[in-house]
Protein backbone atom coordinates (compact mmCIF):
# COMPACT_ATOMS: atom_id res chain seq x y z
CA MET A 1 -0.14 -0.17 -0.23
CA GLN A 2 1.06 3.53 -0.46
CA PRO A 3 2.39 5.69 2.27
CA SER A 4 -0.98 7.66 2.80
CA ILE A 5 -2.68 4.55 4.22
CA SER A 6 -1.27 4.53 7.55
CA ALA A 7 0.22 1.57 9.37
CA VAL A 8 -2.06 1.45 12.09
CA TYR A 9 -5.10 1.42 9.48
CA GLN A 10 -3.35 -1.20 7.63
CA LYS A 11 -3.08 -3.40 11.07
CA ARG A 12 -6.95 -2.52 11.91
CA PHE A 13 -7.92 -3.61 8.19
CA PHE A 14 -6.10 -6.78 8.63
CA THR A 15 -7.21 -7.58 12.20
CA ALA A 16 -10.75 -7.20 10.82
CA LEU A 17 -10.12 -9.76 8.29
CA LEU A 18 -8.74 -12.00 10.75
CA ALA A 19 -11.42 -11.88 12.84
CA VAL A 20 -13.95 -12.69 10.50
CA LEU A 21 -11.85 -15.86 9.61
CA ILE A 22 -11.55 -16.90 12.93
CA LEU A 23 -15.36 -16.26 14.02
CA SER A 24 -16.18 -18.51 10.65
CA LEU A 25 -13.85 -21.30 11.87
CA LEU A 26 -15.54 -21.47 15.67
CA PRO A 27 -18.86 -23.03 14.46
CA LEU A 28 -16.92 -25.57 12.09
CA PHE A 29 -14.74 -26.97 14.97
CA VAL A 30 -17.76 -26.80 17.26
CA LEU A 31 -19.48 -29.12 14.76
CA GLY A 32 -16.55 -31.28 14.72
CA PHE A 33 -17.79 -32.49 18.69
CA TYR A 34 -20.73 -34.24 16.83
CA ALA A 35 -18.62 -35.86 14.44
CA HIS A 36 -19.11 -39.69 13.68
CA PRO A 37 -17.51 -42.52 11.54
CA SER A 38 -19.17 -43.52 8.48
CA VAL A 39 -18.55 -46.03 5.50
CA ASP A 40 -15.02 -46.97 5.13
CA ASP A 41 -14.10 -45.49 8.31
CA TYR A 42 -15.47 -48.91 9.66
CA TYR A 43 -13.97 -50.94 6.91
CA TYR A 44 -10.31 -49.77 7.37
CA GLY A 45 -10.49 -49.06 11.01
CA ALA A 46 -11.98 -52.87 11.65
CA GLU A 47 -8.74 -54.52 12.55
CA THR A 48 -6.89 -51.85 14.08
CA ALA A 49 -9.80 -50.91 16.62
CA ALA A 50 -10.16 -54.73 17.53
CA LEU A 51 -6.31 -54.81 18.41
CA TRP A 52 -6.57 -51.47 20.25
CA GLN A 53 -9.59 -52.95 22.31
CA LYS A 54 -7.55 -56.17 23.00
CA THR A 55 -4.31 -54.93 24.01
CA HIS A 56 -4.53 -51.02 24.50
CA ASP A 57 -1.06 -50.93 22.88
CA ALA A 58 -0.80 -47.95 20.39
CA GLY A 59 2.55 -49.00 18.83
CA ALA A 60 1.06 -52.38 18.36
CA VAL A 61 -1.92 -50.93 16.31
CA VAL A 62 0.57 -48.55 14.26
CA SER A 63 2.74 -51.96 13.63
CA LEU A 64 -0.59 -53.63 12.22
CA SER A 65 -1.38 -50.81 10.10
CA TYR A 66 1.95 -50.63 8.58
CA ASP A 67 1.70 -54.76 8.00
CA MET A 68 -1.87 -54.18 6.48
CA MET A 69 -0.72 -51.41 4.48
CA LYS A 70 1.97 -53.90 2.98
CA GLU A 71 -0.64 -56.44 2.39
CA SER A 72 -2.75 -53.60 0.67
CA TYR A 73 -0.13 -52.99 -1.48
CA GLU A 74 0.19 -56.47 -2.82
CA THR A 75 -3.75 -57.34 -3.02
CA TRP A 76 -5.66 -53.85 -3.62
CA GLN A 77 -3.83 -50.55 -4.12
CA GLY A 78 -0.47 -49.00 -3.96
CA ASN A 79 -1.40 -45.72 -2.26
CA PHE A 80 0.77 -46.72 0.72
CA ALA A 81 0.88 -43.50 2.63
CA ALA A 82 -2.73 -42.95 2.54
CA ILE A 83 -3.76 -46.63 3.38
CA PHE A 84 -1.51 -46.57 6.89
CA LEU A 85 -3.25 -43.44 7.74
CA MET A 86 -6.84 -44.86 7.01
CA ARG A 87 -6.29 -47.51 9.36
CA LEU A 88 -5.44 -45.08 12.48
CA GLN A 89 -8.76 -43.15 12.34
CA PRO A 90 -9.56 -41.57 15.39
CA ALA A 91 -12.37 -43.79 16.38
CA VAL A 92 -9.80 -46.97 16.41
CA PHE A 93 -8.64 -45.52 19.75
CA GLY A 94 -12.46 -45.00 20.89
CA GLU A 95 -15.75 -43.73 19.34
CA SER A 96 -15.60 -40.57 21.41
CA LEU A 97 -12.10 -39.67 19.64
CA TYR A 98 -13.46 -39.21 16.36
CA VAL A 99 -14.15 -35.53 17.16
CA LEU A 100 -10.47 -35.19 16.29
CA THR A 101 -11.14 -35.82 12.63
CA PRO A 102 -12.02 -32.45 11.93
CA VAL A 103 -9.28 -30.85 14.20
CA ILE A 104 -6.79 -32.82 11.79
CA LEU A 105 -8.41 -32.16 8.66
CA LEU A 106 -9.84 -28.47 9.16
CA GLY A 107 -6.43 -27.44 11.03
CA SER A 108 -4.23 -28.65 8.55
CA PHE A 109 -6.23 -27.34 5.39
CA THR A 110 -6.58 -23.79 7.34
CA ALA A 111 -2.76 -23.72 8.11
CA ALA A 112 -1.53 -24.97 4.77
CA PHE A 113 -3.69 -22.65 2.74
CA LEU A 114 -2.84 -19.74 4.89
CA VAL A 115 0.92 -20.52 4.84
CA PHE A 116 1.42 -21.01 1.11
CA SER A 117 -0.75 -17.96 0.03
CA TYR A 118 0.84 -15.79 2.44
CA LEU A 119 4.61 -17.10 1.22
CA ALA A 120 3.38 -16.92 -2.35
CA VAL A 121 2.51 -13.21 -2.23
CA ARG A 122 5.00 -12.33 0.32
CA ARG A 123 8.10 -13.71 -1.53
CA LEU A 124 7.29 -14.15 -5.04
CA LEU A 125 5.38 -10.85 -5.39
CA LYS A 126 7.34 -8.81 -2.75
CA THR A 127 4.68 -7.52 -1.02
CA SER A 128 4.48 -6.31 2.55
CA ALA A 129 3.94 -8.54 5.18
CA LEU A 130 0.45 -7.01 6.18
CA SER A 131 -0.85 -7.32 2.52
CA ALA A 132 0.41 -10.85 2.15
CA LEU A 133 -1.59 -11.79 5.13
CA GLY A 134 -4.85 -10.32 4.21
CA THR A 135 -4.67 -11.71 0.52
CA ALA A 136 -4.38 -15.27 2.44
CA VAL A 137 -7.02 -14.66 5.03
CA VAL A 138 -9.22 -13.76 2.20
CA VAL A 139 -8.59 -16.49 -0.17
CA THR A 140 -8.70 -19.18 2.56
CA PHE A 141 -11.86 -17.82 4.22
CA CYS A 142 -13.47 -18.60 0.62
CA ALA A 143 -11.92 -21.85 -0.17
CA LEU A 144 -13.48 -23.11 3.42
CA GLN A 145 -16.75 -21.59 2.98
CA PHE A 146 -17.43 -22.93 -0.89
CA CYS A 147 -15.92 -26.11 -0.42
CA TYR A 148 -17.75 -28.43 -2.94
CA ARG A 149 -18.98 -31.10 -0.40
CA PRO A 150 -17.67 -30.21 3.06
CA VAL A 151 -18.45 -33.60 5.01
CA ASP A 152 -16.11 -35.38 2.57
CA SER A 153 -13.37 -33.01 3.44
CA PHE A 154 -13.30 -32.06 6.91
CA TYR A 155 -15.89 -34.35 8.62
CA TRP A 156 -15.17 -37.89 7.10
CA PHE A 157 -11.74 -39.01 8.15
CA ASN A 158 -11.15 -41.55 5.41
CA GLY A 159 -12.27 -39.30 2.81
CA GLY A 160 -10.81 -36.47 4.25
CA ILE A 161 -7.40 -37.91 4.89
CA TYR A 162 -7.14 -39.53 1.57
CA TYR A 163 -7.84 -36.47 -0.40
CA THR A 164 -8.11 -33.10 1.69
CA PHE A 165 -5.30 -33.90 4.04
CA PHE A 166 -2.78 -34.71 0.95
CA PHE A 167 -3.46 -31.89 -0.76
CA SER A 168 -2.83 -29.55 2.33
CA LEU A 169 0.39 -31.34 2.21
CA SER A 170 1.25 -30.36 -0.92
CA LEU A 171 0.46 -26.70 0.16
CA PHE A 172 3.10 -27.17 2.80
CA LEU A 173 5.47 -28.69 0.17
CA TYR A 174 5.17 -25.47 -1.83
CA ALA A 175 5.62 -23.10 0.92
CA LEU A 176 8.83 -25.20 2.16
CA LEU A 177 10.50 -24.75 -1.50
CA ILE A 178 9.61 -21.38 -1.58
CA GLN A 179 11.21 -20.94 1.57
CA ALA A 180 14.02 -22.96 0.46
CA GLY A 181 14.44 -20.67 -2.75
CA SER A 182 13.79 -16.91 -1.25
CA GLY A 183 14.45 -17.42 2.29
CA LYS A 184 16.50 -14.58 3.99
CA SER A 185 19.23 -17.11 5.87
CA CYS A 186 21.32 -20.04 4.20
CA PRO A 187 20.59 -22.48 7.33
CA GLY A 188 16.88 -21.66 6.77
CA ARG A 189 16.95 -22.24 3.14
CA ILE A 190 18.59 -25.99 3.87
CA VAL A 191 16.29 -26.94 6.52
CA ALA A 192 13.26 -25.95 4.39
CA ALA A 193 14.93 -28.00 1.27
CA ALA A 194 15.56 -30.71 3.72
CA ALA A 195 12.23 -30.85 5.32
CA ALA A 196 10.70 -30.81 1.60
CA LEU A 197 12.16 -34.39 0.42
CA PRO A 198 10.37 -36.60 2.86
CA LEU A 199 7.48 -34.65 2.48
CA ALA A 200 7.33 -34.95 -1.23
CA PHE A 201 8.08 -38.83 -0.83
CA VAL A 202 4.89 -39.12 1.33
CA ILE A 203 2.64 -37.03 -1.05
CA GLY A 204 3.61 -39.52 -3.62
CA GLY A 205 2.13 -42.10 -1.85
CA GLY A 206 -1.39 -40.38 -1.53
CA ASN A 207 -4.08 -39.94 -3.68
CA TYR A 208 -2.90 -40.05 -7.70
CA SER A 209 -4.81 -36.60 -8.53
CA THR A 210 -2.37 -34.64 -5.98
CA ALA A 211 0.77 -36.70 -6.51
CA LEU A 212 0.39 -36.31 -10.42
CA SER A 213 -0.62 -32.69 -10.51
CA CYS A 214 2.22 -31.78 -7.87
CA ALA A 215 4.80 -33.59 -10.06
CA VAL A 216 4.21 -31.93 -13.04
CA LEU A 217 4.07 -28.62 -11.64
CA LEU A 218 7.43 -29.34 -9.66
CA ALA A 219 8.97 -30.65 -12.98
CA CYS A 220 7.76 -27.51 -15.15
CA VAL A 221 8.97 -25.13 -12.00
CA SER A 222 12.36 -26.80 -11.58
CA VAL A 223 12.94 -26.49 -15.68
CA PHE A 224 11.85 -22.98 -15.54
CA LEU A 225 14.29 -22.15 -12.76
CA LEU A 226 16.91 -23.96 -14.46
CA ALA A 227 16.46 -22.37 -17.94
CA THR A 228 16.69 -18.83 -16.02
CA LYS A 229 19.61 -19.59 -14.06
CA ARG A 230 18.54 -19.74 -10.62
CA LYS A 231 20.06 -21.88 -7.91
CA SER A 232 16.50 -22.64 -6.46
CA TRP A 233 15.79 -25.08 -9.26
CA ILE A 234 17.93 -27.54 -7.22
CA PRO A 235 15.66 -27.94 -4.39
CA VAL A 236 12.55 -28.23 -6.38
CA ALA A 237 14.20 -30.69 -8.75
CA LEU A 238 15.23 -33.08 -5.75
CA ALA A 239 11.78 -32.49 -4.55
CA CYS A 240 10.28 -33.56 -7.42
CA GLY A 241 12.64 -36.63 -7.86
CA ALA A 242 11.33 -37.75 -4.19
CA LEU A 243 7.83 -37.37 -5.37
CA LEU A 244 8.49 -39.11 -8.74
CA VAL A 245 10.03 -42.33 -6.79
CA SER A 246 6.88 -42.96 -4.38
CA LEU A 247 4.61 -42.38 -7.31
CA ALA A 248 6.33 -44.98 -9.24
CA LEU A 249 6.04 -47.05 -6.17
CA SER A 250 2.52 -46.67 -5.84
CA ILE A 251 1.54 -47.14 -9.72
CA LEU A 252 3.82 -50.23 -9.85
CA ALA A 253 2.11 -51.81 -6.80
CA PRO A 254 0.69 -55.47 -7.74
CA GLY A 255 -2.45 -54.61 -6.09
CA ASN A 256 -3.26 -52.13 -8.67
CA GLU A 257 -3.81 -54.33 -11.18
CA ILE A 258 -5.79 -56.71 -9.05
CA ARG A 259 -8.02 -53.67 -8.22
CA GLN A 260 -8.48 -52.40 -11.85
CA ALA A 261 -9.63 -55.81 -13.06
CA VAL A 262 -12.44 -55.55 -10.46
CA THR A 263 -13.53 -51.83 -10.99
CA GLY A 264 -13.69 -52.22 -14.51
CA GLU A 265 -11.48 -51.56 -17.90
CA SER A 266 -9.64 -48.74 -18.28
CA SER A 267 -11.14 -45.49 -20.34
CA GLY A 268 -7.77 -45.58 -22.23
CA VAL A 269 -5.40 -42.47 -22.50
CA VAL A 270 -7.17 -40.10 -24.94
CA LYS A 271 -10.52 -40.37 -23.38
CA ALA A 272 -8.89 -39.41 -20.09
CA LEU A 273 -7.29 -36.53 -21.50
CA LEU A 274 -10.40 -35.29 -22.92
CA TYR A 275 -12.53 -36.07 -19.56
CA SER A 276 -9.86 -34.11 -17.87
CA PHE A 277 -9.90 -31.20 -19.86
CA ALA A 278 -13.56 -31.35 -19.72
CA TYR A 279 -13.78 -31.39 -16.13
CA GLY A 280 -11.53 -28.72 -15.35
CA GLY A 281 -13.33 -26.56 -17.54
CA TYR A 282 -16.71 -27.15 -15.54
CA SER A 283 -15.16 -27.08 -12.19
CA LEU A 284 -13.76 -23.64 -12.73
CA ALA A 285 -17.20 -22.36 -13.90
CA ASP A 286 -19.35 -24.38 -11.31
CA GLY A 287 -16.75 -22.98 -8.50
CA LEU A 288 -17.24 -19.38 -9.51
CA SER A 289 -20.28 -18.47 -7.58
CA VAL A 290 -21.40 -14.74 -7.22
CA PRO A 291 -19.60 -14.70 -3.62
CA VAL A 292 -16.56 -16.41 -5.14
CA LEU A 293 -16.57 -13.91 -8.02
CA VAL A 294 -16.92 -10.75 -5.72
CA MET A 295 -13.92 -12.16 -3.79
CA TRP A 296 -11.76 -12.25 -6.87
CA ALA A 297 -13.30 -8.99 -8.32
CA GLY A 298 -12.16 -7.10 -4.54
CA LEU A 299 -8.71 -8.53 -4.72
CA LEU A 300 -7.96 -7.79 -8.43
CA PRO A 301 -6.85 -4.02 -7.82
CA PHE A 302 -4.54 -5.37 -4.97
CA LEU A 303 -3.54 -8.10 -7.18
CA TYR A 304 -2.35 -5.55 -9.59
CA HIS A 305 -0.67 -3.03 -7.08
CA PHE A 306 1.36 -6.50 -5.90
CA THR A 307 2.85 -6.77 -9.67
CA ARG A 308 4.26 -3.53 -9.47
CA ARG A 309 7.20 -4.76 -7.29
CA ALA A 310 7.68 -7.83 -9.30
CA LYS A 311 10.24 -8.40 -11.53
CA TYR A 312 8.90 -10.60 -14.08
CA GLN A 313 8.11 -9.97 -17.80
CA PHE A 314 4.61 -11.14 -17.77
CA ARG A 315 4.70 -11.04 -21.48
CA LEU A 316 2.75 -14.30 -22.54
CA PRO A 317 -0.40 -14.41 -20.48
CA LEU A 318 -2.73 -16.63 -22.84
CA LEU A 319 0.24 -19.22 -23.18
CA VAL A 320 0.62 -19.00 -19.69
CA LEU A 321 -3.35 -19.61 -19.10
CA LEU A 322 -3.27 -22.54 -21.59
CA PHE A 323 -0.19 -24.08 -19.84
CA THR A 324 -1.40 -23.65 -16.37
CA PHE A 325 -4.93 -25.03 -17.12
CA GLY A 326 -3.35 -28.16 -18.27
CA ILE A 327 -1.45 -28.76 -14.94
CA TYR A 328 -4.81 -27.95 -13.36
CA ALA A 329 -7.00 -30.22 -15.47
CA SER A 330 -4.25 -33.14 -14.90
CA GLN A 331 -5.94 -33.64 -11.49
CA GLY A 332 -8.53 -35.85 -12.91
CA THR A 333 -6.38 -37.67 -15.21
CA ALA A 334 -5.42 -40.63 -13.35
CA LEU A 335 -8.99 -41.26 -12.01
CA PHE A 336 -10.45 -40.92 -15.45
CA TYR A 337 -7.89 -43.15 -16.91
CA ALA A 338 -8.48 -46.02 -14.34
CA GLN A 339 -12.23 -45.74 -13.86
CA GLY A 340 -13.89 -43.60 -16.78
CA LEU A 341 -16.46 -40.90 -16.03
CA ARG A 342 -16.17 -41.36 -12.25
CA MET A 343 -15.67 -38.39 -9.94
CA PRO A 344 -16.10 -38.95 -6.25
CA PRO A 345 -17.18 -36.00 -4.49
CA ARG A 346 -13.85 -35.92 -1.95
CA MET A 347 -11.88 -35.74 -5.23
CA SER A 348 -13.63 -32.82 -6.58
CA ASN A 349 -13.38 -30.90 -3.31
CA ILE A 350 -9.13 -30.70 -4.03
CA ILE A 351 -9.82 -29.83 -7.51
CA TYR A 352 -12.13 -27.05 -6.61
CA PHE A 353 -9.64 -25.70 -3.97
CA ASN A 354 -6.91 -25.93 -6.57
CA ALA A 355 -9.00 -23.80 -8.77
CA TYR A 356 -8.25 -20.95 -6.15
CA LEU A 357 -4.40 -21.36 -7.19
CA PHE A 358 -5.07 -21.41 -10.46
CA ILE A 359 -7.40 -18.24 -10.87
CA GLY A 360 -5.15 -16.41 -8.45
CA PHE A 361 -1.97 -17.01 -10.30
CA ASN A 362 -3.35 -16.28 -13.56
CA LEU A 363 -5.17 -12.91 -12.28
CA VAL A 364 -1.61 -11.98 -10.94
CA TYR A 365 0.06 -12.59 -14.13
CA PHE A 366 -2.81 -10.75 -16.07
CA CYS A 367 -2.42 -7.77 -13.77
CA GLY A 368 1.53 -7.88 -14.35
CA TRP A 369 0.98 -7.80 -18.25
CA LEU A 370 -1.69 -5.44 -18.33
CA LYS A 371 0.67 -3.07 -16.15
CA ASN A 372 3.75 -3.57 -19.01
CA ARG A 373 1.51 -3.73 -21.86
CA PHE A 374 -0.79 -0.64 -21.10
CA PRO A 375 0.53 1.42 -18.52
CA GLY A 376 -2.26 3.96 -17.27
CA ASN A 377 -4.76 1.82 -17.77
CA PHE A 378 -8.01 2.09 -15.83
CA LEU A 379 -7.09 -0.81 -13.12
CA GLU A 380 -4.05 1.20 -12.62
CA LYS A 381 -6.13 4.07 -11.71
CA ILE A 382 -8.53 2.14 -9.43
CA SER A 383 -5.43 0.60 -7.48
CA ASP A 384 -3.86 3.73 -7.30
CA ARG A 385 -6.76 5.48 -5.69
CA LEU A 386 -7.47 2.51 -3.60
CA THR A 387 -4.10 2.17 -2.23
CA SER A 388 -3.54 6.26 -1.50
CA SER A 389 -7.05 6.71 0.51
CA GLU A 390 -7.95 4.91 3.80
CA LYS A 391 -11.64 6.12 3.16
CA ARG A 392 -11.83 4.89 -0.31
CA LEU A 393 -10.32 1.81 1.06
CA GLY A 394 -12.75 1.41 3.48
CA ARG A 395 -15.57 2.28 1.24
CA PHE A 396 -14.61 -0.53 -1.18
CA ALA A 397 -14.36 -3.03 1.55
CA LEU A 398 -17.70 -2.31 2.59
CA GLY A 399 -19.19 -2.35 -0.72
CA CYS A 400 -17.68 -5.86 -1.30
CA CYS A 401 -19.14 -7.12 1.99
CA LEU A 402 -22.33 -6.36 1.06
CA LEU A 403 -21.99 -7.66 -2.84
CA PHE A 404 -20.67 -10.96 -1.02
CA ALA A 405 -23.62 -10.98 1.57
CA LEU A 406 -25.91 -10.78 -1.22
CA GLY A 407 -24.27 -13.25 -3.39
CA CYS A 408 -24.43 -15.89 -0.45
CA ILE A 409 -28.32 -15.09 0.14
CA GLY A 410 -28.85 -15.75 -3.40
CA LEU A 411 -27.25 -19.27 -3.20
CA CYS A 412 -29.35 -19.93 -0.17
CA GLU A 413 -32.38 -22.82 -1.15
CA VAL A 414 -35.64 -23.03 0.72
CA SER A 415 -37.87 -26.08 0.14
CA GLU A 416 -40.81 -27.62 1.90
CA GLY A 417 -39.50 -29.67 5.06
CA GLU A 418 -41.31 -31.92 7.54
CA ASN A 419 -44.76 -31.17 8.28
CA ARG A 420 -44.89 -29.08 5.81
CA GLY A 421 -42.22 -26.71 7.60
CA ALA A 422 -39.54 -24.92 5.93
CA ALA A 423 -36.23 -26.60 5.26
CA PHE A 424 -33.37 -24.50 4.51
CA ASP A 425 -30.21 -25.12 2.59
CA LEU A 426 -27.90 -22.34 3.41
CA GLU A 427 -24.43 -21.10 2.08
CA PRO A 428 -21.67 -20.33 3.11
CA LEU A 429 -20.49 -23.15 4.75
CA SER A 430 -20.40 -21.47 8.37
CA VAL A 431 -23.90 -20.15 8.02
CA ASN A 432 -24.98 -23.84 7.46
CA VAL A 433 -23.00 -25.44 10.29
CA ALA A 434 -24.15 -22.54 12.72
CA PHE A 435 -28.08 -23.21 11.58
CA SER A 436 -27.37 -27.10 12.20
CA LEU A 437 -25.85 -26.13 15.66
CA VAL A 438 -28.87 -23.73 16.78
CA ASN A 439 -31.80 -25.70 15.42
CA GLY A 440 -30.63 -28.71 17.33
CA GLU A 441 -29.84 -31.26 14.57
CA ALA A 442 -26.54 -31.58 15.11
CA ALA A 443 -27.03 -32.79 18.76
CA ARG A 444 -29.69 -35.01 17.84
CA PHE A 445 -27.47 -36.66 15.30
CA ASP A 446 -24.89 -37.02 17.67
CA ALA A 447 -27.18 -38.90 20.58
CA GLU A 448 -28.53 -40.99 18.00
CA MET A 449 -25.29 -41.95 16.87
CA GLN A 450 -23.67 -42.57 20.57
CA ALA A 451 -26.97 -44.69 21.26
CA ARG A 452 -26.09 -46.71 18.27
CA ALA A 453 -22.63 -47.23 18.94
CA ALA A 454 -23.64 -48.48 22.69
CA PHE A 455 -26.25 -50.77 21.20
CA LEU A 456 -23.94 -52.40 18.67
CA SER A 457 -21.01 -52.72 20.94
CA GLY A 458 -23.27 -54.89 23.39
CA GLN A 459 -24.52 -57.36 20.23
CA PRO A 460 -23.20 -60.62 20.43
CA GLU A 461 -20.57 -61.60 17.85
CA GLY A 462 -21.91 -62.83 14.42
CA ALA A 463 -25.39 -61.58 15.44
CA ASP A 464 -27.76 -60.22 12.69
CA VAL A 465 -29.10 -56.80 13.75
CA VAL A 466 -31.72 -54.40 12.84
CA ILE A 467 -31.50 -51.14 13.82
CA ALA A 468 -33.72 -47.69 13.45
CA PRO A 469 -32.71 -45.35 10.94
CA LEU A 470 -31.29 -41.73 11.62
CA SER A 471 -34.26 -39.06 12.09
CA VAL A 472 -31.63 -36.28 10.95
CA GLN A 473 -28.73 -35.90 8.58
CA PRO A 474 -27.01 -32.54 8.81
CA LYS A 475 -25.56 -31.78 5.76
CA ALA A 476 -22.22 -30.72 6.60
CA LEU A 477 -21.86 -33.66 8.98
CA VAL A 478 -23.16 -36.93 7.45
CA HIS A 479 -21.46 -38.66 4.68
CA SER A 480 -24.22 -41.52 4.38
CA ASP A 481 -25.88 -43.77 6.41
CA ILE A 482 -26.67 -47.74 5.96
CA THR A 483 -29.55 -48.93 4.20
CA GLU A 484 -32.18 -51.42 4.25
CA ASP A 485 -29.95 -54.08 2.33
CA PRO A 486 -27.77 -55.91 4.71
CA ALA A 487 -25.66 -56.78 1.57
CA ASP A 488 -24.77 -52.95 0.76
CA PHE A 489 -21.39 -52.73 1.29
CA LYS A 490 -21.94 -49.70 3.92
CA ASN A 491 -23.84 -52.21 6.07
CA ASP A 492 -21.09 -54.50 5.38
CA HIS A 493 -18.31 -52.19 6.73
CA LEU A 494 -20.34 -51.39 10.06
CA ALA A 495 -21.11 -54.94 10.63
CA ARG A 496 -17.30 -55.92 9.89
CA PHE A 497 -16.73 -53.45 12.46
CA TYR A 498 -18.69 -54.51 15.16
CA HIS A 499 -17.89 -58.23 14.55
CA LEU A 500 -21.71 -59.01 13.46
CA GLY A 501 -22.95 -61.21 11.06
CA SER A 502 -25.34 -58.62 9.32
CA ILE A 503 -26.93 -55.50 9.93
CA ARG A 504 -29.66 -53.36 8.22
CA ILE A 505 -31.84 -50.37 8.84
CA GLN A 506 -35.59 -51.27 9.86
CA PRO A 507 -38.11 -50.32 6.85
């Protein structure tokens, strides 16, 4: 910002943004107290939970998870790092500990988005600390509030740890590499580079979407840095190598061939690429709701201002747009290749999260090109006015907040609920969650799930059990419930966890 914006005002402005983020996070973490396992949580946690109940030896549980990860590598799938973590879901050590799930998933995601966004803006664009922090807070807030399917990212351990958690790790990896290439102290850069290597290896053993797109991005960045004769290419290339080694181990797992034979024939390379580009375009368009558009429009003058200190040429915006879209679209390639047109919501979540990085990068690049190609343009005038007057900045921020709120109201859906009352599907996420907490449906769901767990734990081994359906299923909290069909895979997973013969919902 220009000197006419006082340091005190900048601090107050940032404090207000941070307060909004913190307040929006409070109901999200509170809702976590009502979280319970579902679907694959039971399947992957059955053996480790049984061992914990028998021995109460955490070391033995971790060792069993490692052994079963090796078995899964040979017989089902190669994502070794993810499979290892799946068998250690918190409810393994007691159902009440499942409340740690949103702490792990929400906490890691928020921290990763903030840290990466801050370092990217601060180090790569040479902005002030407060400007970088403010930008990071705004983008993180929107990424959280308009998550494609929140339960799959933050309140369901199996789905969230496989996709959202490894996506968060990739952001931490990018942050470490930025630190390794631009840190002020040599020891700090060395430590960051060293930490990036094992982290990259772990990411390669997670979901293929994150591992593949991360590898492509690191390879491209390392080639660019090498071509421009910057020493920072070395840690990026080493991290890329570590990731490629673990990704190769994951892809070459004997179990992948067995799983492919069960799930169906591959769609082939050409179709996978076409599907990837098509879904990439769809996800970008679908994620640009009115509030998100308002957020980007509000940030645009400041992103333009940030480019003034950047020492880049910004000469090829269209080529860069197409190239980065290819990297963005590559997230879906592995899944489309293996399973055709199937896109689980938990994977869609991380693609929508990555859209913020794709859009943010290209907006900055466009602003830099516009600054160099057309000096004195309209955006430059707006940027100068906003960054030189506290009054204008305040009015602009209030106007953006009003438009953002109106956009959120437009996303809400009202329909007829039980007893002909009104049913609300609210956006953004924190509003939806707060509504579930206030109207008591989250507490009701929690009470019913606790009663169900107590009942199932008391049944004799091998029993055939019928239970009542849930009366409420809060949208942000419940992935899915079992069905009336005891042969349904979800029913089978639950029966496996509690060592029952079968289980079903009463009609």
